[in-house]
Amino acid sequence: MLKKILSISGKPGLYKLVSYGKNLIIVESLKDKKRMPAYTRDKIISLGDISMYTYGEEVALSKVFTSVYEKFEGKTLNANDYKTPESLKEFFLQVLPDYDQERVYNNDIKKVIAWYNILVEAGYTKFEEEEPQEETAEEEK
């Protein structure tokens, strides 16, 4: 699901990929549903390609959003509760206990909170892709 949700550098909010064009893509804002072009010169990142550093393996952003959603029972977060560096770290330790505190910056945590709120307000509640069931050789017989 997050593969088609985009962050565009220099533009606030998140956008849904609508269509491809020559040297551009058409995106729709998740907040106001307005469509606009995004050009190849813009830095465009799919949320599905983002992961968070931990002391073990990197964790996909979709798993972080799922953890936040479960921890806070699907409610949006009040960003004003997470203004200080201590409150941001405390929040993220609840959501992703083994995150790498040296490589995950406070601005990264603020983005996670903002993006989570935008997604939930837009009606997105399932953040992880359903794994397609692969048939085994035994099932084919």
Protein backbone atom coordinates (compact mmCIF):
# COMPACT_ATOMS: atom_id res chain seq x y z
CA MET A 1 0.00 0.00 0.00
CA LEU A 2 2.77 2.43 0.84
CA LYS A 3 4.46 1.94 -2.57
CA LYS A 4 1.98 4.39 -4.15
CA ILE A 5 2.17 6.93 -1.33
CA LEU A 6 4.85 9.53 -2.03
CA SER A 7 6.76 12.23 -0.24
CA ILE A 8 7.90 15.07 -2.52
CA SER A 9 10.77 17.24 -1.38
CA GLY A 10 9.74 20.88 -1.05
CA LYS A 11 6.01 20.08 -0.91
CA PRO A 12 4.20 19.53 2.38
CA GLY A 13 2.18 16.42 3.07
CA LEU A 14 1.89 13.11 1.29
CA TYR A 15 0.66 12.28 -2.19
CA LYS A 16 -0.91 9.29 -3.90
CA LEU A 17 0.45 8.28 -7.29
CA VAL A 18 -2.33 8.63 -9.87
CA SER A 19 -0.69 8.38 -13.29
CA TYR A 20 2.55 8.52 -15.22
CA GLY A 21 3.38 11.02 -17.96
CA LYS A 22 6.43 12.00 -19.97
CA ASN A 23 9.04 13.34 -17.49
CA LEU A 24 6.38 13.69 -14.78
CA ILE A 25 3.86 11.88 -12.66
CA ILE A 26 0.41 12.98 -11.60
CA VAL A 27 -0.14 12.92 -7.85
CA GLU A 28 -3.09 13.60 -5.59
CA SER A 29 -2.72 15.21 -2.17
CA LEU A 30 -3.99 13.00 0.65
CA LYS A 31 -5.18 16.07 2.56
CA ASP A 32 -7.21 18.07 0.03
CA LYS A 33 -7.44 15.58 -2.89
CA LYS A 34 -6.05 18.16 -5.37
CA ARG A 35 -4.11 16.73 -8.29
CA MET A 36 -0.88 18.18 -9.61
CA PRO A 37 2.16 17.19 -11.61
CA ALA A 38 5.44 16.16 -9.98
CA TYR A 39 8.46 16.36 -12.24
CA THR A 40 11.50 14.13 -12.55
CA ARG A 41 13.68 16.92 -11.13
CA ASP A 42 11.75 16.75 -7.84
CA LYS A 43 13.04 14.42 -5.17
CA ILE A 44 10.22 11.88 -4.91
CA ILE A 45 10.36 9.05 -2.39
CA SER A 46 7.89 6.20 -1.99
CA LEU A 47 7.06 5.46 1.64
CA GLY A 48 7.33 1.79 0.76
CA ASP A 49 11.06 2.27 0.15
CA ILE A 50 11.82 3.85 3.53
CA SER A 51 13.11 1.88 6.50
CA MET A 52 14.25 2.80 9.99
CA TYR A 53 17.62 1.93 11.46
CA THR A 54 17.70 -0.49 14.38
CA TYR A 55 20.56 -2.22 16.14
CA GLY A 56 19.66 -5.33 14.15
CA GLU A 57 18.13 -5.27 10.68
CA GLU A 58 16.44 -2.22 9.20
CA VAL A 59 12.67 -2.14 9.78
CA ALA A 60 10.29 -1.11 7.01
CA LEU A 61 8.31 2.06 7.62
CA SER A 62 5.11 0.07 7.11
CA LYS A 63 5.94 -2.02 10.19
CA VAL A 64 6.61 1.14 12.21
CA PHE A 65 3.23 2.59 11.15
CA THR A 66 1.52 -0.69 12.05
CA SER A 67 3.16 -0.62 15.47
CA VAL A 68 2.03 2.99 16.05
CA TYR A 69 -1.49 2.11 14.87
CA GLU A 70 -1.72 -0.82 17.28
CA LYS A 71 -0.13 1.04 20.20
CA PHE A 72 -2.45 4.05 19.89
CA GLU A 73 -5.55 2.06 18.87
CA GLY A 74 -5.83 3.66 15.43
CA LYS A 75 -6.08 7.22 16.73
CA THR A 76 -4.12 10.14 15.37
CA LEU A 77 -1.30 11.48 17.49
CA ASN A 78 -1.14 14.96 18.97
CA ALA A 79 2.10 16.35 17.56
CA ASN A 80 2.23 18.91 20.39
CA ASP A 81 2.84 16.06 22.84
CA TYR A 82 6.13 15.31 21.06
CA LYS A 83 7.95 18.63 20.93
CA THR A 84 10.99 17.87 23.09
CA PRO A 85 13.79 15.51 22.11
CA GLU A 86 13.08 13.44 25.23
CA SER A 87 9.40 12.97 24.37
CA LEU A 88 10.27 12.01 20.78
CA LYS A 89 12.75 9.38 21.96
CA GLU A 90 10.32 8.05 24.56
CA PHE A 91 7.59 7.76 21.92
CA PHE A 92 9.84 5.95 19.46
CA LEU A 93 11.16 3.57 22.12
CA GLN A 94 7.53 2.51 22.72
CA VAL A 95 6.95 1.94 19.02
CA LEU A 96 10.32 0.55 17.92
CA PRO A 97 12.27 -0.42 21.07
CA ASP A 98 15.55 -1.33 19.35
CA TYR A 99 15.84 1.68 17.02
CA ASP A 100 19.35 3.07 16.55
CA GLN A 101 19.30 6.29 18.56
CA GLU A 102 22.46 7.58 16.88
CA ARG A 103 21.22 7.17 13.29
CA VAL A 104 17.51 7.98 13.69
CA TYR A 105 17.24 11.73 14.20
CA ASN A 106 14.48 13.69 15.93
CA ASN A 107 13.37 15.10 12.57
CA ASP A 108 12.90 11.53 11.31
CA ILE A 109 10.63 10.76 14.26
CA LYS A 110 8.67 13.99 13.66
CA LYS A 111 8.14 12.93 10.02
CA VAL A 112 6.90 9.49 11.12
CA ILE A 113 4.35 11.16 13.43
CA ALA A 114 3.23 13.65 10.75
CA TRP A 115 3.00 11.01 8.01
CA TYR A 116 1.15 8.59 10.29
CA ASN A 117 -1.43 11.29 11.09
CA ILE A 118 -1.91 12.14 7.40
CA LEU A 119 -2.39 8.47 6.49
CA VAL A 120 -4.88 7.77 9.28
CA GLU A 121 -6.86 10.96 8.53
CA ALA A 122 -6.99 9.91 4.86
CA GLY A 123 -8.45 6.52 5.86
CA TYR A 124 -5.37 4.33 5.47
CA THR A 125 -5.28 1.76 8.24
CA LYS A 126 -3.45 -1.20 6.68
CA PHE A 127 0.16 -0.29 6.13
CA GLU A 128 1.70 -3.63 5.24
CA GLU A 129 1.19 -5.43 1.95
CA GLU A 130 -0.57 -8.76 2.04
CA GLU A 131 1.91 -11.45 1.10
CA PRO A 132 0.60 -13.43 -1.88
CA GLN A 133 0.27 -17.10 -1.08
CA GLU A 134 2.69 -19.11 -3.19
CA GLU A 135 1.65 -22.59 -4.17
CA THR A 136 4.03 -25.34 -3.25
CA ALA A 137 4.81 -28.33 -5.45
CA GLU A 138 2.77 -30.54 -3.12
CA GLU A 139 -0.37 -28.38 -3.55
CA GLU A 140 -0.11 -28.58 -7.33
CA LYS A 141 -0.29 -32.42 -7.29
